[in-house]
PDB file of N, CA and C in Angstrom:
ATOM      1  N   MET A   1     122.088 121.948 148.456  1.00  0.00           N
ATOM      2  CA  MET A   1     121.666 120.654 147.675  1.00  0.00           C
ATOM      3  C   MET A   1     121.224 121.060 146.798  1.00  0.00           C
ATOM      4  N   GLY A   2     121.754 120.112 145.095  1.00  0.00           N
ATOM      5  CA  GLY A   2     121.166 120.248 143.903  1.00  0.00           C
ATOM      6  C   GLY A   2     120.388 120.110 143.407  1.00  0.00           C
ATOM      7  N   LEU A   3     119.949 120.410 142.193  1.00  0.00           N
ATOM      8  CA  LEU A   3     119.018 120.065 141.575  1.00  0.00           C
ATOM      9  C   LEU A   3     118.378 118.304 141.529  1.00  0.00           C
ATOM     10  N   SER A   4     117.363 118.397 141.613  1.00  0.00           N
ATOM     11  CA  SER A   4     116.802 116.930 141.032  1.00  0.00           C
ATOM     12  C   SER A   4     116.746 116.814 139.586  1.00  0.00           C
ATOM     13  N   LEU A   5     116.755 115.383 139.204  1.00  0.00           N
ATOM     14  CA  LEU A   5     116.880 115.257 137.508  1.00  0.00           C
ATOM     15  C   LEU A   5     115.778 115.358 136.999  1.00  0.00           C
ATOM     16  N   GLU A   6     114.860 115.420 137.658  1.00  0.00           N
ATOM     17  CA  GLU A   6     113.598 116.252 136.831  1.00  0.00           C
ATOM     18  C   GLU A   6     113.735 117.950 136.727  1.00  0.00           C
ATOM     19  N   GLU A   7     114.247 118.027 137.913  1.00  0.00           N
ATOM     20  CA  GLU A   7     114.287 119.762 137.396  1.00  0.00           C
ATOM     21  C   GLU A   7     115.330 120.080 136.675  1.00  0.00           C
ATOM     22  N   SER A   8     116.197 119.539 136.732  1.00  0.00           N
ATOM     23  CA  SER A   8     117.440 119.625 135.524  1.00  0.00           C
ATOM     24  C   SER A   8     116.867 119.010 134.037  1.00  0.00           C
ATOM     25  N   LEU A   9     116.103 118.357 133.675  1.00  0.00           N
ATOM     26  CA  LEU A   9     115.337 117.886 132.763  1.00  0.00           C
ATOM     27  C   LEU A   9     114.717 119.096 131.968  1.00  0.00           C
ATOM     28  N   ARG A  10     113.784 119.384 133.020  1.00  0.00           N
ATOM     29  CA  ARG A  10     112.993 120.566 133.031  1.00  0.00           C
ATOM     30  C   ARG A  10     114.039 121.893 132.044  1.00  0.00           C
ATOM     31  N   LEU A  11     115.291 122.661 133.398  1.00  0.00           N
ATOM     32  CA  LEU A  11     115.701 123.137 132.512  1.00  0.00           C
ATOM     33  C   LEU A  11     116.377 123.123 131.102  1.00  0.00           C
ATOM     34  N   THR A  12     117.024 121.780 130.814  1.00  0.00           N
ATOM     35  CA  THR A  12     117.828 121.370 129.722  1.00  0.00           C
ATOM     36  C   THR A  12     116.658 121.627 128.274  1.00  0.00           C
ATOM     37  N   VAL A  13     115.519 120.956 129.022  1.00  0.00           N
ATOM     38  CA  VAL A  13     114.255 121.027 127.872  1.00  0.00           C
ATOM     39  C   VAL A  13     114.098 122.518 127.569  1.00  0.00           C
ATOM     40  N   ALA A  14     114.498 123.648 128.012  1.00  0.00           N
ATOM     41  CA  ALA A  14     113.775 124.943 128.323  1.00  0.00           C
ATOM     42  C   ALA A  14     115.073 125.373 127.239  1.00  0.00           C
ATOM     43  N   ALA A  15     116.162 125.140 127.918  1.00  0.00           N
ATOM     44  CA  ALA A  15     117.370 125.640 127.265  1.00  0.00           C
ATOM     45  C   ALA A  15     117.690 125.375 125.610  1.00  0.00           C
ATOM     46  N   LEU A  16     117.596 123.621 125.397  1.00  0.00           N
ATOM     47  CA  LEU A  16     117.287 123.715 123.969  1.00  0.00           C
ATOM     48  C   LEU A  16     116.460 124.418 122.859  1.00  0.00           C
ATOM     49  N   MET A  17     115.114 124.666 123.578  1.00  0.00           N
ATOM     50  CA  MET A  17     114.141 125.629 123.222  1.00  0.00           C
ATOM     51  C   MET A  17     114.653 126.500 122.614  1.00  0.00           C
ATOM     52  N   GLN A  18     115.997 127.153 123.522  1.00  0.00           N
ATOM     53  CA  GLN A  18     116.105 128.587 123.402  1.00  0.00           C
ATOM     54  C   GLN A  18     117.086 128.822 122.742  1.00  0.00           C
ATOM     55  N   ALA A  19     118.014 127.680 122.738  1.00  0.00           N
ATOM     56  CA  ALA A  19     119.439 127.276 121.671  1.00  0.00           C
ATOM     57  C   ALA A  19     118.600 127.461 120.305  1.00  0.00           C
ATOM     58  N   THR A  20     117.268 126.559 120.068  1.00  0.00           N
ATOM     59  CA  THR A  20     116.878 126.379 118.490  1.00  0.00           C
ATOM     60  C   THR A  20     116.061 126.913 118.223  1.00  0.00           C
ATOM     61  N   GLY A  21     115.367 127.939 119.098  1.00  0.00           N
ATOM     62  CA  GLY A  21     114.397 128.803 118.782  1.00  0.00           C
ATOM     63  C   GLY A  21     112.686 127.744 118.370  1.00  0.00           C
ATOM     64  N   GLU A  22     112.595 126.673 119.483  1.00  0.00           N
ATOM     65  CA  GLU A  22     111.127 125.694 119.082  1.00  0.00           C
ATOM     66  C   GLU A  22     110.552 126.030 120.558  1.00  0.00           C
ATOM     67  N   SER A  23     109.573 125.990 119.795  1.00  0.00           N
ATOM     68  CA  SER A  23     108.053 125.964 120.455  1.00  0.00           C
ATOM     69  C   SER A  23     107.774 124.803 121.120  1.00  0.00           C
ATOM     70  N   GLN A  24     106.846 124.947 122.820  1.00  0.00           N
ATOM     71  CA  GLN A  24     106.350 123.999 122.715  1.00  0.00           C
ATOM     72  C   GLN A  24     105.516 123.082 122.040  1.00  0.00           C
ATOM     73  N   ARG A  25     105.078 124.300 121.363  1.00  0.00           N
ATOM     74  CA  ARG A  25     103.795 123.358 120.165  1.00  0.00           C
ATOM     75  C   ARG A  25     105.192 122.229 119.473  1.00  0.00           C
ATOM     76  N   ALA A  26     106.301 122.767 119.354  1.00  0.00           N
ATOM     77  CA  ALA A  26     107.104 122.076 117.993  1.00  0.00           C
ATOM     78  C   ALA A  26     107.497 120.545 118.983  1.00  0.00           C
ATOM     79  N   ILE A  27     107.455 121.071 119.900  1.00  0.00           N
ATOM     80  CA  ILE A  27     108.198 119.522 121.210  1.00  0.00           C
ATOM     81  C   ILE A  27     107.046 118.677 120.925  1.00  0.00           C
ATOM     82  N   ALA A  28     106.161 119.262 121.605  1.00  0.00           N
ATOM     83  CA  ALA A  28     104.895 118.054 121.425  1.00  0.00           C
ATOM     84  C   ALA A  28     104.584 117.516 120.265  1.00  0.00           C
ATOM     85  N   SER A  29     104.551 118.158 118.859  1.00  0.00           N
ATOM     86  CA  SER A  29     104.464 117.547 117.368  1.00  0.00           C
ATOM     87  C   SER A  29     105.827 116.520 117.913  1.00  0.00           C
ATOM     88  N   VAL A  30     106.931 116.796 118.023  1.00  0.00           N
ATOM     89  CA  VAL A  30     107.792 115.313 118.139  1.00  0.00           C
ATOM     90  C   VAL A  30     107.349 114.491 118.901  1.00  0.00           C
ATOM     91  N   LEU A  31     107.094 114.617 120.534  1.00  0.00           N
ATOM     92  CA  LEU A  31     106.319 113.804 121.132  1.00  0.00           C
ATOM     93  C   LEU A  31     105.113 112.898 121.138  1.00  0.00           C
ATOM     94  N   GLY A  32     104.188 113.830 120.347  1.00  0.00           N
ATOM     95  CA  GLY A  32     103.062 113.284 120.262  1.00  0.00           C
ATOM     96  C   GLY A  32     102.265 113.386 120.823  1.00  0.00           C
ATOM     97  N   LEU A  33     102.476 114.818 121.596  1.00  0.00           N
ATOM     98  CA  LEU A  33     101.678 115.121 123.067  1.00  0.00           C
ATOM     99  C   LEU A  33     100.874 116.618 122.352  1.00  0.00           C
ATOM    100  N   THR A  34     100.094 116.941 123.236  1.00  0.00           N
ATOM    101  CA  THR A  34      99.596 118.361 122.926  1.00  0.00           C
ATOM    102  C   THR A  34     100.595 119.364 123.526  1.00  0.00           C
ATOM    103  N   GLN A  35     100.455 120.528 123.178  1.00  0.00           N
ATOM    104  CA  GLN A  35     101.348 121.844 124.005  1.00  0.00           C
ATOM    105  C   GLN A  35     101.060 121.786 125.411  1.00  0.00           C
ATOM    106  N   THR A  36      99.621 121.856 125.762  1.00  0.00           N
ATOM    107  CA  THR A  36      99.185 121.711 127.314  1.00  0.00           C
ATOM    108  C   THR A  36     100.211 120.591 127.887  1.00  0.00           C
ATOM    109  N   GLN A  37     100.140 119.376 127.415  1.00  0.00           N
ATOM    110  CA  GLN A  37     101.116 118.335 128.627  1.00  0.00           C
ATOM    111  C   GLN A  37     102.233 118.855 128.332  1.00  0.00           C
ATOM    112  N   VAL A  38     102.829 119.359 127.428  1.00  0.00           N
ATOM    113  CA  VAL A  38     104.519 119.822 127.462  1.00  0.00           C
ATOM    114  C   VAL A  38     104.416 120.832 128.199  1.00  0.00           C
ATOM    115  N   SER A  39     103.677 121.787 128.232  1.00  0.00           N
ATOM    116  CA  SER A  39     103.936 122.627 129.140  1.00  0.00           C
ATOM    117  C   SER A  39     103.450 122.437 131.348  1.00  0.00           C
ATOM    118  N   ARG A  40     102.740 121.110 131.058  1.00  0.00           N
ATOM    119  CA  ARG A  40     102.513 120.585 132.439  1.00  0.00           C
ATOM    120  C   ARG A  40     104.028 119.976 132.686  1.00  0.00           C
ATOM    121  N   ARG A  41     104.321 119.034 131.515  1.00  0.00           N
ATOM    122  CA  ARG A  41     105.920 118.613 131.743  1.00  0.00           C
ATOM    123  C   ARG A  41     107.052 119.698 132.352  1.00  0.00           C
ATOM    124  N   GLN A  42     106.941 120.614 131.909  1.00  0.00           N
ATOM    125  CA  GLN A  42     107.882 121.775 131.621  1.00  0.00           C
ATOM    126  C   GLN A  42     107.857 122.797 133.274  1.00  0.00           C
ATOM    127  N   SER A  43     106.302 122.713 133.678  1.00  0.00           N
ATOM    128  CA  SER A  43     105.989 123.614 135.377  1.00  0.00           C
ATOM    129  C   SER A  43     106.521 122.602 136.515  1.00  0.00           C
ATOM    130  N   GLY A  44     106.506 120.887 135.885  1.00  0.00           N
ATOM    131  CA  GLY A  44     106.716 119.789 136.799  1.00  0.00           C
ATOM    132  C   GLY A  44     105.350 119.629 137.546  1.00  0.00           C
ATOM    133  N   ALA A  45     103.941 119.633 136.729  1.00  0.00           N
ATOM    134  CA  ALA A  45     102.689 119.306 137.112  1.00  0.00           C
ATOM    135  C   ALA A  45     102.754 118.201 136.840  1.00  0.00           C
ATOM    136  N   ALA A  46     103.499 117.903 135.673  1.00  0.00           N
ATOM    137  CA  ALA A  46     103.360 116.245 134.881  1.00  0.00           C
ATOM    138  C   ALA A  46     105.223 115.906 135.089  1.00  0.00           C
ATOM    139  N   SER A  47     105.458 114.837 134.603  1.00  0.00           N
ATOM    140  CA  SER A  47     106.927 114.237 134.613  1.00  0.00           C
ATOM    141  C   SER A  47     107.112 113.783 133.499  1.00  0.00           C
ATOM    142  N   TRP A  48     108.480 114.257 132.934  1.00  0.00           N
ATOM    143  CA  TRP A  48     108.855 113.815 131.333  1.00  0.00           C
ATOM    144  C   TRP A  48     108.766 111.915 131.923  1.00  0.00           C
ATOM    145  N   THR A  49     109.114 111.380 130.885  1.00  0.00           N
ATOM    146  CA  THR A  49     109.012 109.798 130.867  1.00  0.00           C
ATOM    147  C   THR A  49     110.477 110.094 130.412  1.00  0.00           C
ATOM    148  N   LEU A  50     110.933 108.364 130.503  1.00  0.00           N
ATOM    149  CA  LEU A  50     112.120 108.022 129.967  1.00  0.00           C
ATOM    150  C   LEU A  50     111.698 108.326 128.287  1.00  0.00           C
ATOM    151  N   ASP A  51     110.528 107.555 127.728  1.00  0.00           N
ATOM    152  CA  ASP A  51     110.323 107.687 126.404  1.00  0.00           C
ATOM    153  C   ASP A  51     110.686 109.187 125.728  1.00  0.00           C
ATOM    154  N   ASP A  52     110.003 109.940 126.766  1.00  0.00           N
ATOM    155  CA  ASP A  52     110.403 111.586 126.339  1.00  0.00           C
ATOM    156  C   ASP A  52     111.888 111.962 126.198  1.00  0.00           C
ATOM    157  N   VAL A  53     112.693 111.750 127.042  1.00  0.00           N
ATOM    158  CA  VAL A  53     114.191 111.465 126.842  1.00  0.00           C
ATOM    159  C   VAL A  53     114.632 110.867 125.747  1.00  0.00           C
ATOM    160  N   ASP A  54     113.901 110.055 125.249  1.00  0.00           N
ATOM    161  CA  ASP A  54     114.937 109.130 124.044  1.00  0.00           C
ATOM    162  C   ASP A  54     114.409 109.969 122.767  1.00  0.00           C
ATOM    163  N   ALA A  55     113.260 110.137 122.736  1.00  0.00           N
ATOM    164  CA  ALA A  55     112.525 110.944 121.707  1.00  0.00           C
ATOM    165  C   ALA A  55     113.465 112.235 121.487  1.00  0.00           C
ATOM    166  N   LEU A  56     113.606 113.423 122.205  1.00  0.00           N
ATOM    167  CA  LEU A  56     113.904 114.344 122.560  1.00  0.00           C
ATOM    168  C   LEU A  56     115.268 114.628 122.164  1.00  0.00           C
ATOM    169  N   ALA A  57     115.987 113.436 122.224  1.00  0.00           N
ATOM    170  CA  ALA A  57     117.711 113.147 122.533  1.00  0.00           C
ATOM    171  C   ALA A  57     117.544 112.909 120.568  1.00  0.00           C
ATOM    172  N   ALA A  58     116.477 111.962 120.112  1.00  0.00           N
ATOM    173  CA  ALA A  58     117.319 111.526 119.340  1.00  0.00           C
ATOM    174  C   ALA A  58     116.471 112.962 118.011  1.00  0.00           C
ATOM    175  N   HIS A  59     115.760 113.614 118.533  1.00  0.00           N
ATOM    176  CA  HIS A  59     114.896 114.592 117.761  1.00  0.00           C
ATOM    177  C   HIS A  59     115.940 115.947 117.808  1.00  0.00           C
ATOM    178  N   TYR A  60     116.810 115.595 118.863  1.00  0.00           N
ATOM    179  CA  TYR A  60     117.922 117.151 118.631  1.00  0.00           C
ATOM    180  C   TYR A  60     119.363 116.420 118.140  1.00  0.00           C
ATOM    181  N   GLY A  61     119.347 115.336 118.402  1.00  0.00           N
ATOM    182  CA  GLY A  61     120.425 114.502 117.423  1.00  0.00           C
ATOM    183  C   GLY A  61     121.910 114.695 118.823  1.00  0.00           C
ATOM    184  N   ILE A  62     121.558 114.330 119.782  1.00  0.00           N
ATOM    185  CA  ILE A  62     122.266 113.667 120.795  1.00  0.00           C
ATOM    186  C   ILE A  62     122.291 112.711 121.560  1.00  0.00           C
ATOM    187  N   GLY A  63     122.985 112.458 122.423  1.00  0.00           N
ATOM    188  CA  GLY A  63     122.570 111.101 123.210  1.00  0.00           C
ATOM    189  C   GLY A  63     121.743 111.673 124.556  1.00  0.00           C
ATOM    190  N   PRO A  64     120.782 110.359 124.680  1.00  0.00           N
ATOM    191  CA  PRO A  64     120.199 110.740 125.994  1.00  0.00           C
ATOM    192  C   PRO A  64     120.642 111.192 127.519  1.00  0.00           C
ATOM    193  N   LEU A  65     121.783 110.721 127.378  1.00  0.00           N
ATOM    194  CA  LEU A  65     122.518 110.641 128.692  1.00  0.00           C
ATOM    195  C   LEU A  65     123.234 112.470 128.818  1.00  0.00           C
ATOM    196  N   ASP A  66     123.468 112.980 127.207  1.00  0.00           N
ATOM    197  CA  ASP A  66     123.535 114.779 127.366  1.00  0.00           C
ATOM    198  C   ASP A  66     122.611 115.634 127.815  1.00  0.00           C
ATOM    199  N   LEU A  67     121.371 115.218 127.188  1.00  0.00           N
ATOM    200  CA  LEU A  67     120.099 115.554 127.422  1.00  0.00           C
ATOM    201  C   LEU A  67     119.877 115.405 129.370  1.00  0.00           C
ATOM    202  N   LEU A  68     120.297 113.911 129.958  1.00  0.00           N
ATOM    203  CA  LEU A  68     119.887 114.279 131.109  1.00  0.00           C
ATOM    204  C   LEU A  68     121.117 114.484 131.825  1.00  0.00           C
ATOM    205  N   ALA A  69     122.442 115.243 131.183  1.00  0.00           N
ATOM    206  CA  ALA A  69     123.095 115.654 131.853  1.00  0.00           C
ATOM    207  C   ALA A  69     123.204 117.326 132.384  1.00  0.00           C
ATOM    208  N   GLY A  70     122.061 117.793 131.969  1.00  0.00           N
ATOM    209  CA  GLY A  70     121.952 119.287 132.203  1.00  0.00           C
ATOM    210  C   GLY A  70     121.916 119.964 130.843  1.00  0.00           C
ATOM    211  N   PRO A  71     121.784 121.469 131.130  1.00  0.00           N
ATOM    212  CA  PRO A  71     121.525 122.369 129.966  1.00  0.00           C
ATOM    213  C   PRO A  71     122.993 122.858 129.227  1.00  0.00           C
ATOM    214  N   THR A  72     123.962 122.683 130.123  1.00  0.00           N
ATOM    215  CA  THR A  72     125.450 122.905 129.248  1.00  0.00           C
ATOM    216  C   THR A  72     125.896 122.167 128.861  1.00  0.00           C
ATOM    217  N   ARG A  73     125.690 120.934 129.132  1.00  0.00           N
ATOM    218  CA  ARG A  73     126.181 119.909 128.256  1.00  0.00           C
ATOM    219  C   ARG A  73     125.137 119.490 127.226  1.00  0.00           C
ATOM    220  N   ALA A  74     124.206 119.264 127.190  1.00  0.00           N
ATOM    221  CA  ALA A  74     123.262 119.427 126.284  1.00  0.00           C
ATOM    222  C   ALA A  74     123.305 120.306 125.051  1.00  0.00           C
ATOM    223  N   CYS A  75     123.241 121.966 125.107  1.00  0.00           N
ATOM    224  CA  CYS A  75     124.273 123.078 124.453  1.00  0.00           C
ATOM    225  C   CYS A  75     125.096 122.439 123.946  1.00  0.00           C
ATOM    226  N   GLU A  76     126.071 122.005 124.341  1.00  0.00           N
ATOM    227  CA  GLU A  76     127.174 122.130 124.021  1.00  0.00           C
ATOM    228  C   GLU A  76     127.392 120.460 122.955  1.00  0.00           C
ATOM    229  N   ALA A  77     126.178 119.751 123.266  1.00  0.00           N
ATOM    230  CA  ALA A  77     126.120 118.298 122.103  1.00  0.00           C
ATOM    231  C   ALA A  77     125.693 118.550 121.196  1.00  0.00           C
ATOM    232  N   LEU A  78     124.820 119.704 121.110  1.00  0.00           N
ATOM    233  CA  LEU A  78     123.328 120.120 120.041  1.00  0.00           C
ATOM    234  C   LEU A  78     124.410 120.231 119.206  1.00  0.00           C
ATOM    235  N   PRO A  79     123.922 119.694 117.505  1.00  0.00           N
ATOM    236  CA  PRO A  79     124.965 120.007 116.467  1.00  0.00           C
ATOM    237  C   PRO A  79     124.729 121.740 116.266  1.00  0.00           C
ATOM    238  N   ALA A  80     125.666 121.835 115.325  1.00  0.00           N
ATOM    239  CA  ALA A  80     125.662 123.557 115.054  1.00  0.00           C
ATOM    240  C   ALA A  80     124.826 123.750 114.646  1.00  0.00           C
ATOM    241  N   SER A  81     123.990 123.017 113.411  1.00  0.00           N
ATOM    242  CA  SER A  81     122.706 123.230 112.528  1.00  0.00           C
ATOM    243  C   SER A  81     121.553 123.208 113.391  1.00  0.00           C
ATOM    244  N   TRP A  82     121.752 122.869 114.197  1.00  0.00           N
ATOM    245  CA  TRP A  82     120.524 123.281 115.338  1.00  0.00           C
ATOM    246  C   TRP A  82     120.258 124.547 116.316  1.00  0.00           C
ATOM    247  N   HIS A  83     121.225 125.071 116.412  1.00  0.00           N
ATOM    248  CA  HIS A  83     121.437 126.594 116.844  1.00  0.00           C
ATOM    249  C   HIS A  83     120.658 127.168 116.082  1.00  0.00           C
ATOM    250  N   ARG A  84     119.538 128.149 117.238  1.00  0.00           N
ATOM    251  CA  ARG A  84     118.974 128.932 116.861  1.00  0.00           C
ATOM    252  C   ARG A  84     119.815 130.093 115.509  1.00  0.00           C
ATOM    253  N   THR A  85     120.266 130.273 115.412  1.00  0.00           N
ATOM    254  CA  THR A  85     121.179 131.321 114.279  1.00  0.00           C
ATOM    255  C   THR A  85     121.166 130.628 112.936  1.00  0.00           C
ATOM    256  N   ALA A  86     121.553 129.282 112.877  1.00  0.00           N
ATOM    257  CA  ALA A  86     121.618 128.718 112.013  1.00  0.00           C
ATOM    258  C   ALA A  86     120.524 127.917 111.615  1.00  0.00           C
ATOM    259  N   ALA A  87     119.587 127.386 112.585  1.00  0.00           N
ATOM    260  CA  ALA A  87     118.425 126.564 112.156  1.00  0.00           C
ATOM    261  C   ALA A  87     117.710 127.968 111.817  1.00  0.00           C
ATOM    262  N   THR A  88     117.551 128.832 112.322  1.00  0.00           N
ATOM    263  CA  THR A  88     116.225 129.844 111.954  1.00  0.00           C
ATOM    264  C   THR A  88     116.742 130.202 109.886  1.00  0.00           C
ATOM    265  N   VAL A  89     118.014 130.387 110.052  1.00  0.00           N
ATOM    266  CA  VAL A  89     118.084 130.621 108.286  1.00  0.00           C
ATOM    267  C   VAL A  89     117.839 129.518 107.536  1.00  0.00           C
ATOM    268  N   LYS A  90     118.358 128.290 108.068  1.00  0.00           N
ATOM    269  CA  LYS A  90     118.078 127.048 107.303  1.00  0.00           C
ATOM    270  C   LYS A  90     116.894 126.280 107.122  1.00  0.00           C
ATOM    271  N   ARG A  91     116.229 126.366 108.274  1.00  0.00           N
ATOM    272  CA  ARG A  91     114.659 125.642 108.230  1.00  0.00           C
ATOM    273  C   ARG A  91     113.612 126.917 107.875  1.00  0.00           C
ATOM    274  N   GLY A  92     114.116 128.207 107.646  1.00  0.00           N
ATOM    275  CA  GLY A  92     112.963 129.468 107.620  1.00  0.00           C
ATOM    276  C   GLY A  92     112.501 129.416 109.120  1.00  0.00           C
ATOM    277  N   ARG A  93     112.692 129.209 110.382  1.00  0.00           N
ATOM    278  CA  ARG A  93     111.841 129.202 111.251  1.00  0.00           C
ATOM    279  C   ARG A  93     111.914 130.833 112.311  1.00  0.00           C
ATOM    280  N   SER A  94     111.181 131.020 112.818  1.00  0.00           N
ATOM    281  CA  SER A  94     111.260 131.987 113.367  1.00  0.00           C
ATOM    282  C   SER A  94     110.502 132.233 115.054  1.00  0.00           C
ATOM    283  N   GLY A  95     110.763 130.801 115.250  1.00  0.00           N
ATOM    284  CA  GLY A  95     110.433 130.578 116.813  1.00  0.00           C
ATOM    285  C   GLY A  95     109.106 129.741 117.014  1.00  0.00           C
ATOM    286  N   GLU A  96     108.311 129.141 115.586  1.00  0.00           N
ATOM    287  CA  GLU A  96     107.075 128.423 115.589  1.00  0.00           C
ATOM    288  C   GLU A  96     106.355 129.329 116.865  1.00  0.00           C
TER     289      GLU A  96
END
């Protein structure tokens, strides 16, 4: 049996965070949540909402369906300027 949509979304968010070098704290800021709330979503203790999906997709510049399609599709859809090597240089980020 495959992954549930919830499990796939957790993996996708983790993959995007890895690809971009963003922290849970940065994601929390985007979503208007605390780092603890993002951590609970990522651990499966709380569920991601459709509003979270919309906000994350807009933040990363990808479609919500790309986000829901899994880590590979989401990372392929991620604009080049968001990838960790480009993002780190462009935005002066170090993974926050």
